[in-house]
Amino acid sequence: MQILAKTYTSLSLTHSGYIAGSADGIVTVQGKPASRKIWLLDAQSLAVEQVITSLKNGHYAFFGLDTSKEYLVLARDYKKEYEPFVWDYVAPADDLTIAEQQALWQSWQTK
């Protein structure tokens, strides 16, 4: 199964964890929501797990994550005006079903 978010991301049916940018966790530039590339790395090995682009409203989501692992989330400014922003040792949430995660993602498409 594929999810379109400016790049294709494989959705694992084995894992239902997710990391999503909502509320104060959206991507911003000078305090305004922005679209930027975001990397998800395994916090232990630093292997790249997924790469996505946040929506223009700053929301982003990584799906199909293993909830027994921790991740490093890295956002960079392609204009090279700001230093990268990193969240380290992020544990995926598992409070929503895959269907609920997809509904949340769809709700962000029009905001």
Protein backbone atom coordinates (compact mmCIF):
# COMPACT_ATOMS: atom_id res chain seq x y z
CA MET A 1 0.00 0.00 0.00
CA GLN A 2 1.34 3.47 -0.85
CA ILE A 3 0.59 6.88 0.70
CA LEU A 4 1.17 10.00 -1.38
CA ALA A 5 2.81 12.89 0.43
CA LYS A 6 4.91 14.45 -2.34
CA THR A 7 6.95 11.24 -2.14
CA TYR A 8 5.79 7.66 -1.98
CA THR A 9 6.08 6.03 1.43
CA SER A 10 5.58 2.32 1.99
CA LEU A 11 2.97 1.57 4.60
CA SER A 12 3.77 -1.52 6.62
CA LEU A 13 0.73 -3.52 7.57
CA THR A 14 2.92 -5.18 10.21
CA HIS A 15 3.41 -1.95 12.16
CA SER A 16 0.74 0.60 12.99
CA GLY A 17 2.80 3.26 14.76
CA TYR A 18 2.95 6.82 13.46
CA ILE A 19 4.66 10.14 14.08
CA ALA A 20 2.69 13.19 13.02
CA GLY A 21 3.12 16.93 13.18
CA SER A 22 0.07 18.59 14.68
CA ALA A 23 -0.65 21.44 17.10
CA ASP A 24 2.76 22.90 18.09
CA GLY A 25 4.58 20.09 16.26
CA ILE A 26 4.05 21.35 12.72
CA VAL A 27 6.88 22.62 10.53
CA THR A 28 7.21 26.40 10.72
CA VAL A 29 9.51 29.06 9.32
CA GLN A 30 9.53 32.37 11.19
CA GLY A 31 6.48 31.20 13.14
CA LYS A 32 4.39 30.43 10.03
CA PRO A 33 3.49 26.93 8.76
CA ALA A 34 5.78 25.80 5.96
CA SER A 35 6.47 22.95 3.58
CA ARG A 36 9.92 21.41 4.06
CA LYS A 37 11.56 18.01 3.59
CA ILE A 38 11.63 15.83 6.71
CA TRP A 39 13.82 12.79 7.31
CA LEU A 40 12.99 9.94 9.68
CA LEU A 41 16.02 8.02 10.92
CA ASP A 42 16.35 5.03 13.20
CA ALA A 43 17.59 6.60 16.46
CA GLN A 44 20.09 3.76 17.09
CA SER A 45 21.59 3.05 13.66
CA LEU A 46 20.83 6.43 12.03
CA ALA A 47 19.60 4.55 8.96
CA VAL A 48 17.13 6.59 6.91
CA GLU A 49 13.68 5.03 7.31
CA GLN A 50 11.53 7.51 5.35
CA VAL A 51 11.74 10.93 3.71
CA ILE A 52 8.63 13.07 3.23
CA THR A 53 7.66 16.70 2.62
CA SER A 54 5.36 18.50 5.04
CA LEU A 55 2.20 20.04 3.65
CA LYS A 56 2.04 23.80 3.08
CA ASN A 57 0.14 24.02 6.39
CA GLY A 58 3.14 22.44 8.17
CA HIS A 59 1.50 19.09 8.93
CA TYR A 60 3.40 15.87 8.26
CA ALA A 61 3.06 12.20 9.11
CA PHE A 62 5.18 9.07 9.04
CA PHE A 63 3.11 5.88 8.96
CA GLY A 64 3.77 2.15 9.40
CA LEU A 65 6.32 2.57 12.17
CA ASP A 66 7.53 -0.03 14.65
CA THR A 67 6.39 1.14 18.10
CA SER A 68 9.23 -0.75 19.80
CA LYS A 69 11.77 1.55 18.11
CA GLU A 70 12.68 5.21 18.60
CA TYR A 71 13.36 7.64 15.79
CA LEU A 72 15.15 10.87 14.99
CA VAL A 73 13.04 13.38 13.01
CA LEU A 74 15.02 15.99 11.07
CA ALA A 75 13.63 19.01 9.19
CA ARG A 76 15.92 21.10 6.98
CA ASP A 77 15.47 24.46 5.29
CA TYR A 78 16.14 24.11 1.56
CA LYS A 79 16.74 27.87 1.39
CA LYS A 80 19.66 27.41 3.81
CA GLU A 81 18.49 30.36 5.92
CA TYR A 82 17.98 28.33 9.13
CA GLU A 83 19.74 25.50 10.92
CA PRO A 84 18.07 22.05 10.81
CA PHE A 85 15.56 21.26 13.54
CA VAL A 86 15.73 17.82 15.14
CA TRP A 87 13.56 15.79 17.50
CA ASP A 88 15.51 12.87 18.93
CA TYR A 89 14.37 9.57 20.45
CA VAL A 90 10.78 10.02 19.28
CA ALA A 91 8.54 7.06 20.04
CA PRO A 92 5.72 6.46 17.55
CA ALA A 93 2.14 6.78 18.76
CA ASP A 94 -0.25 3.85 18.43
CA ASP A 95 -3.45 5.40 19.74
CA LEU A 96 -5.13 5.51 16.30
CA THR A 97 -5.98 2.67 13.96
CA ILE A 98 -4.54 2.81 10.43
CA ALA A 99 -7.97 3.97 9.19
CA GLU A 100 -8.03 6.75 11.81
CA GLN A 101 -4.49 7.77 10.86
CA GLN A 102 -5.56 8.05 7.22
CA ALA A 103 -8.62 10.09 8.20
CA LEU A 104 -6.42 12.45 10.21
CA TRP A 105 -4.05 12.83 7.24
CA GLN A 106 -6.97 13.53 4.90
CA SER A 107 -8.35 16.16 7.30
CA TRP A 108 -5.07 18.07 7.03
CA GLN A 109 -5.22 18.24 3.24
CA THR A 110 -7.76 21.08 3.28
CA LYS A 111 -6.48 23.10 6.24
